[in-house]
Amino acid sequence: FQYACFEAVQVEEMDGIKGRLLDTLNRICTDGVDMDRMASVIRRYHVKHLNALEDSPHETLPYYCISAFLFGEESGDCQK
């Protein structure tokens, strides 16, 4: 089961979300992915999470543990 989450969407624009998502996915399939941009986004995401782990480990660690417990595929996933 996969889902997409959209934030800050105006109520009057909600009906057009599905079409815009499909257009974007089709464009990615046709044009490909900008791997330099993808690397930049992943690096930024990684640094963000490292900062969160350093600044507030009491909030960050439980989030990852609970997520592994709830959404892990196997019973031993949270121990990996």
Protein backbone atom coordinates (compact mmCIF):
# COMPACT_ATOMS: atom_id res chain seq x y z
CA PHE A 1 0.00 0.00 0.00
CA GLN A 2 1.47 3.34 -1.05
CA TYR A 3 0.13 6.81 -0.39
CA ALA A 4 0.99 10.38 -1.20
CA CYS A 5 0.58 13.28 1.19
CA PHE A 6 0.00 16.85 0.05
CA GLU A 7 0.27 19.86 2.34
CA ALA A 8 -1.02 23.43 2.08
CA VAL A 9 -3.43 22.72 -0.77
CA GLN A 10 -6.24 25.20 -1.19
CA VAL A 11 -9.70 23.59 -0.99
CA GLU A 12 -10.61 24.79 -4.46
CA GLU A 13 -7.47 23.13 -5.91
CA MET A 14 -8.06 19.68 -4.37
CA ASP A 15 -9.90 18.28 -7.39
CA GLY A 16 -6.87 18.93 -9.62
CA ILE A 17 -4.30 17.17 -7.44
CA LYS A 18 -4.68 13.73 -9.02
CA GLY A 19 -4.24 15.11 -12.53
CA ARG A 20 -1.18 17.16 -11.57
CA LEU A 21 0.37 14.16 -9.80
CA LEU A 22 -0.15 11.91 -12.82
CA ASP A 23 1.22 14.60 -15.17
CA THR A 24 4.32 14.92 -12.99
CA LEU A 25 4.86 11.16 -12.83
CA ASN A 26 4.42 10.87 -16.61
CA ARG A 27 6.95 13.69 -17.15
CA ILE A 28 9.44 11.91 -14.88
CA CYS A 29 8.93 8.67 -16.83
CA THR A 30 9.44 10.48 -20.13
CA ASP A 31 12.29 12.86 -19.22
CA GLY A 32 13.99 10.82 -16.52
CA VAL A 33 15.27 11.95 -13.13
CA ASP A 34 17.85 14.69 -12.59
CA MET A 35 20.33 12.64 -10.59
CA ASP A 36 22.36 15.67 -9.45
CA ARG A 37 19.22 17.20 -7.97
CA MET A 38 18.25 13.84 -6.45
CA ALA A 39 21.70 13.55 -4.80
CA SER A 40 21.35 17.08 -3.44
CA VAL A 41 17.90 16.36 -1.98
CA ILE A 42 19.07 13.12 -0.38
CA ARG A 43 22.14 14.82 1.10
CA ARG A 44 19.99 17.62 2.56
CA TYR A 45 17.51 15.09 3.98
CA HIS A 46 20.37 13.09 5.52
CA VAL A 47 21.91 16.18 7.16
CA LYS A 48 18.47 17.23 8.45
CA HIS A 49 18.03 13.88 10.18
CA LEU A 50 21.55 13.86 11.59
CA ASN A 51 20.91 17.33 13.04
CA ALA A 52 17.63 16.15 14.56
CA LEU A 53 19.39 13.16 16.07
CA GLU A 54 22.05 15.40 17.60
CA ASP A 55 19.69 18.16 18.76
CA SER A 56 16.86 16.05 20.14
CA PRO A 57 17.68 12.35 20.39
CA HIS A 58 14.86 11.91 22.91
CA GLU A 59 12.38 12.70 20.11
CA THR A 60 14.22 11.27 17.10
CA LEU A 61 15.12 7.78 18.32
CA PRO A 62 11.62 6.86 19.53
CA TYR A 63 10.21 8.00 16.16
CA TYR A 64 12.44 5.57 14.26
CA CYS A 65 11.87 2.74 16.72
CA ILE A 66 8.09 3.13 16.69
CA SER A 67 8.05 3.39 12.88
CA ALA A 68 10.10 0.19 12.57
CA PHE A 69 7.80 -1.56 15.01
CA LEU A 70 4.60 -0.43 13.29
CA PHE A 71 5.63 -0.58 9.64
CA GLY A 72 8.40 -3.19 9.53
CA GLU A 73 7.80 -6.16 7.27
CA GLU A 74 9.19 -8.79 9.63
CA SER A 75 9.05 -9.18 13.36
CA GLY A 76 12.85 -8.71 13.65
CA ASP A 77 13.03 -5.48 11.62
CA CYS A 78 13.22 -3.23 14.68
CA GLN A 79 16.30 -5.12 15.88
CA LYS A 80 18.26 -4.47 12.67
